[in-house]
Structure formats: C-alpha cells, structure tokens
Amino acid sequence: MIPVNFPEANCTYTADKCLPLTACQQMNEEFQTVEVISCHELTDEEIVLMLKQIKAGQRPAIYLSVIGGQPPVAMWVRE
C-alpha cells in the first residue's frame, strides 16, 4: 500500500526510511482525543494478488502494524 493525499489532509508525517504520510489531524469529539486519519491505495501488485485470491475462493486480508502498542483503530472504504 502507498499513502496518498486526500481532500481533508492537513499535515504530513515523516520518518527515516518511510514515505511521507499525508494525514488529517483533528479533534475527535466523541472520544475527546486527537484523531489522525491517513489514506492508502493498493499497488498494482497488491490488486493482482487480491484478485488471484478471490478467484481461488479466498478472502483477501489487510494487516495493520502499529509500533508502540495498539490504539483504537478504525479502517473503512469510501467512494
């Protein structure tokens, strides 16, 4: 997956050996804490792999790794 820009983005995170991560940092009123949202696109290779898995009757999965512990996380797809 590669990080991509999106209309609500208002900051960019950077780290050594990592691509810049465009994100939207905002206050989450429901949980009274800062929320950071990023957007990622599948690479062509990942799309081909997923289509092969679907054709083989498998359900593709996406893994999430968070260094430093697992905070509450939400993942979704939008049009």
N, C-alpha and C. Protein backbone atom coordinates (compact mmCIF):
# COMPACT_ATOMS: atom_id res chain seq x y z
N MET A 1 0.85 -1.18 0.00
CA MET A 1 0.00 0.00 0.00
C MET A 1 0.89 1.24 0.00
N ILE A 2 0.36 2.25 -0.60
CA ILE A 2 1.10 3.52 -0.63
C ILE A 2 0.20 4.63 -0.09
N PRO A 3 0.76 5.52 0.72
CA PRO A 3 -0.03 6.63 1.23
C PRO A 3 -0.35 7.62 0.11
N VAL A 4 -1.55 8.19 0.16
CA VAL A 4 -1.97 9.16 -0.86
C VAL A 4 -2.58 10.38 -0.20
N ASN A 5 -2.55 11.48 -0.92
CA ASN A 5 -3.17 12.72 -0.46
C ASN A 5 -4.69 12.59 -0.59
N PHE A 6 -5.42 13.32 0.24
CA PHE A 6 -6.88 13.33 0.16
C PHE A 6 -7.36 14.72 0.60
N PRO A 7 -8.59 15.10 0.22
CA PRO A 7 -9.04 16.48 0.41
C PRO A 7 -8.95 17.00 1.85
N GLU A 8 -9.18 16.17 2.84
CA GLU A 8 -9.20 16.63 4.22
C GLU A 8 -7.80 16.70 4.86
N ALA A 9 -6.78 16.25 4.15
CA ALA A 9 -5.42 16.22 4.71
C ALA A 9 -4.98 17.62 5.13
N ASN A 10 -4.38 17.70 6.31
CA ASN A 10 -3.90 18.99 6.81
C ASN A 10 -2.52 18.93 7.44
N CYS A 11 -1.83 17.77 7.33
CA CYS A 11 -0.48 17.66 7.86
C CYS A 11 0.23 16.51 7.16
N THR A 12 1.54 16.43 7.35
CA THR A 12 2.34 15.35 6.78
C THR A 12 3.30 14.84 7.84
N TYR A 13 3.31 13.53 8.05
CA TYR A 13 4.24 12.89 8.98
C TYR A 13 5.42 12.35 8.18
N THR A 14 6.62 12.48 8.72
CA THR A 14 7.80 11.95 8.06
C THR A 14 8.64 11.16 9.07
N ALA A 15 9.37 10.18 8.56
CA ALA A 15 10.30 9.40 9.37
C ALA A 15 11.35 8.82 8.45
N ASP A 16 12.53 8.58 8.99
CA ASP A 16 13.61 7.98 8.20
C ASP A 16 13.16 6.67 7.58
N LYS A 17 13.53 6.46 6.34
CA LYS A 17 13.26 5.23 5.59
C LYS A 17 11.77 4.98 5.36
N CYS A 18 10.94 6.01 5.48
CA CYS A 18 9.49 5.89 5.24
C CYS A 18 9.04 6.94 4.24
N LEU A 19 8.01 6.62 3.48
CA LEU A 19 7.40 7.61 2.61
C LEU A 19 6.70 8.65 3.46
N PRO A 20 6.61 9.90 3.01
CA PRO A 20 5.82 10.89 3.75
C PRO A 20 4.37 10.42 3.87
N LEU A 21 3.78 10.63 5.02
CA LEU A 21 2.40 10.21 5.27
C LEU A 21 1.52 11.44 5.43
N THR A 22 0.75 11.73 4.38
CA THR A 22 -0.21 12.82 4.43
C THR A 22 -1.38 12.37 5.29
N ALA A 23 -1.84 13.26 6.17
CA ALA A 23 -2.89 12.86 7.10
C ALA A 23 -3.78 14.04 7.47
N CYS A 24 -4.89 13.73 8.09
CA CYS A 24 -5.79 14.73 8.66
C CYS A 24 -5.73 14.56 10.18
N GLN A 25 -5.25 15.57 10.85
CA GLN A 25 -5.21 15.54 12.31
C GLN A 25 -6.34 16.43 12.80
N GLN A 26 -7.21 15.88 13.65
CA GLN A 26 -8.36 16.63 14.13
C GLN A 26 -8.78 16.14 15.50
N MET A 27 -9.60 16.90 16.16
CA MET A 27 -10.12 16.51 17.46
C MET A 27 -11.32 15.60 17.26
N ASN A 28 -11.31 14.44 17.91
CA ASN A 28 -12.45 13.53 17.87
C ASN A 28 -13.31 13.86 19.09
N GLU A 29 -14.43 14.50 18.85
CA GLU A 29 -15.29 14.96 19.94
C GLU A 29 -15.91 13.81 20.72
N GLU A 30 -16.21 12.72 20.04
CA GLU A 30 -16.83 11.57 20.72
C GLU A 30 -15.91 10.99 21.79
N PHE A 31 -14.62 10.89 21.48
CA PHE A 31 -13.66 10.28 22.41
C PHE A 31 -12.78 11.31 23.11
N GLN A 32 -12.97 12.59 22.80
CA GLN A 32 -12.21 13.67 23.42
C GLN A 32 -10.70 13.45 23.35
N THR A 33 -10.23 13.16 22.11
CA THR A 33 -8.81 12.95 21.88
C THR A 33 -8.47 13.31 20.43
N VAL A 34 -7.19 13.49 20.18
CA VAL A 34 -6.75 13.78 18.81
C VAL A 34 -6.87 12.52 17.96
N GLU A 35 -7.36 12.70 16.75
CA GLU A 35 -7.53 11.61 15.79
C GLU A 35 -6.67 11.92 14.57
N VAL A 36 -5.98 10.92 14.05
CA VAL A 36 -5.18 11.07 12.84
C VAL A 36 -5.70 10.08 11.81
N ILE A 37 -6.07 10.60 10.64
CA ILE A 37 -6.61 9.77 9.56
C ILE A 37 -5.65 9.85 8.38
N SER A 38 -5.30 8.69 7.82
CA SER A 38 -4.48 8.65 6.61
C SER A 38 -5.20 7.81 5.57
N CYS A 39 -4.81 7.98 4.32
CA CYS A 39 -5.43 7.27 3.20
C CYS A 39 -4.35 6.52 2.44
N HIS A 40 -4.66 5.28 2.05
CA HIS A 40 -3.69 4.44 1.36
C HIS A 40 -4.34 3.77 0.16
N GLU A 41 -3.59 3.63 -0.92
CA GLU A 41 -4.06 2.92 -2.10
C GLU A 41 -3.29 1.63 -2.25
N LEU A 42 -3.96 0.62 -2.79
CA LEU A 42 -3.29 -0.63 -3.11
C LEU A 42 -2.39 -0.42 -4.32
N THR A 43 -1.23 -1.05 -4.32
CA THR A 43 -0.38 -1.03 -5.50
C THR A 43 -0.97 -1.96 -6.55
N ASP A 44 -0.50 -1.86 -7.78
CA ASP A 44 -0.97 -2.75 -8.84
C ASP A 44 -0.72 -4.21 -8.46
N GLU A 45 0.46 -4.47 -7.88
CA GLU A 45 0.81 -5.83 -7.47
C GLU A 45 -0.16 -6.35 -6.41
N GLU A 46 -0.53 -5.50 -5.46
CA GLU A 46 -1.47 -5.92 -4.40
C GLU A 46 -2.85 -6.19 -4.98
N ILE A 47 -3.27 -5.40 -5.96
CA ILE A 47 -4.58 -5.63 -6.59
C ILE A 47 -4.57 -6.97 -7.32
N VAL A 48 -3.50 -7.25 -8.06
CA VAL A 48 -3.40 -8.53 -8.77
C VAL A 48 -3.43 -9.69 -7.77
N LEU A 49 -2.69 -9.57 -6.66
CA LEU A 49 -2.67 -10.62 -5.64
C LEU A 49 -4.07 -10.84 -5.06
N MET A 50 -4.77 -9.76 -4.77
CA MET A 50 -6.12 -9.88 -4.22
C MET A 50 -7.08 -10.53 -5.21
N LEU A 51 -6.98 -10.14 -6.48
CA LEU A 51 -7.85 -10.74 -7.49
C LEU A 51 -7.57 -12.23 -7.64
N LYS A 52 -6.29 -12.62 -7.57
CA LYS A 52 -5.94 -14.04 -7.63
C LYS A 52 -6.53 -14.79 -6.43
N GLN A 53 -6.46 -14.17 -5.25
CA GLN A 53 -7.02 -14.80 -4.05
C GLN A 53 -8.54 -14.96 -4.18
N ILE A 54 -9.20 -13.94 -4.68
CA ILE A 54 -10.66 -14.01 -4.87
C ILE A 54 -11.01 -15.11 -5.87
N LYS A 55 -10.26 -15.16 -6.97
CA LYS A 55 -10.51 -16.19 -8.00
C LYS A 55 -10.32 -17.59 -7.42
N ALA A 56 -9.40 -17.73 -6.45
CA ALA A 56 -9.14 -19.03 -5.83
C ALA A 56 -10.11 -19.32 -4.68
N GLY A 57 -11.10 -18.44 -4.51
CA GLY A 57 -12.10 -18.66 -3.47
C GLY A 57 -11.67 -18.20 -2.09
N GLN A 58 -10.59 -17.44 -2.03
CA GLN A 58 -10.10 -16.93 -0.75
C GLN A 58 -10.59 -15.50 -0.54
N ARG A 59 -10.61 -15.07 0.71
CA ARG A 59 -10.97 -13.70 1.02
C ARG A 59 -9.69 -12.94 1.36
N PRO A 60 -9.32 -11.92 0.56
CA PRO A 60 -8.11 -11.16 0.84
C PRO A 60 -8.19 -10.49 2.22
N ALA A 61 -7.04 -10.33 2.84
CA ALA A 61 -6.96 -9.68 4.15
C ALA A 61 -5.92 -8.58 4.10
N ILE A 62 -6.14 -7.55 4.88
CA ILE A 62 -5.19 -6.45 5.03
C ILE A 62 -4.73 -6.45 6.47
N TYR A 63 -3.42 -6.36 6.67
CA TYR A 63 -2.84 -6.38 8.01
C TYR A 63 -2.45 -4.96 8.42
N LEU A 64 -2.54 -4.67 9.70
CA LEU A 64 -2.17 -3.37 10.25
C LEU A 64 -1.13 -3.60 11.34
N SER A 65 0.00 -2.93 11.23
CA SER A 65 1.04 -3.00 12.26
C SER A 65 1.22 -1.61 12.84
N VAL A 66 1.10 -1.50 14.16
CA VAL A 66 1.29 -0.22 14.85
C VAL A 66 2.44 -0.41 15.83
N ILE A 67 3.51 0.32 15.64
CA ILE A 67 4.67 0.20 16.51
C ILE A 67 4.43 1.01 17.77
N GLY A 68 4.63 0.40 18.91
CA GLY A 68 4.46 1.10 20.18
C GLY A 68 3.14 0.79 20.87
N GLY A 69 2.42 -0.19 20.38
CA GLY A 69 1.15 -0.54 21.01
C GLY A 69 -0.01 -0.38 20.07
N GLN A 70 -1.14 -0.93 20.44
CA GLN A 70 -2.32 -0.91 19.58
C GLN A 70 -3.36 0.06 20.13
N PRO A 71 -3.44 1.24 19.55
CA PRO A 71 -4.51 2.16 19.94
C PRO A 71 -5.82 1.74 19.28
N PRO A 72 -6.94 2.34 19.67
CA PRO A 72 -8.19 2.08 18.95
C PRO A 72 -8.02 2.46 17.47
N VAL A 73 -8.42 1.59 16.57
CA VAL A 73 -8.23 1.80 15.14
C VAL A 73 -9.54 1.56 14.41
N ALA A 74 -9.82 2.37 13.40
CA ALA A 74 -10.97 2.15 12.50
C ALA A 74 -10.43 2.14 11.08
N MET A 75 -10.86 1.15 10.28
CA MET A 75 -10.50 1.10 8.86
C MET A 75 -11.79 1.05 8.06
N TRP A 76 -11.82 1.75 6.92
CA TRP A 76 -13.03 1.78 6.12
C TRP A 76 -12.71 2.10 4.68
N VAL A 77 -13.71 1.96 3.82
CA VAL A 77 -13.62 2.29 2.40
C VAL A 77 -14.70 3.31 2.12
N ARG A 78 -14.38 4.32 1.31
CA ARG A 78 -15.40 5.29 0.92
C ARG A 78 -15.29 5.56 -0.58
N GLU A 79 -16.36 6.03 -1.14
CA GLU A 79 -16.37 6.35 -2.58
C GLU A 79 -15.73 7.69 -2.82
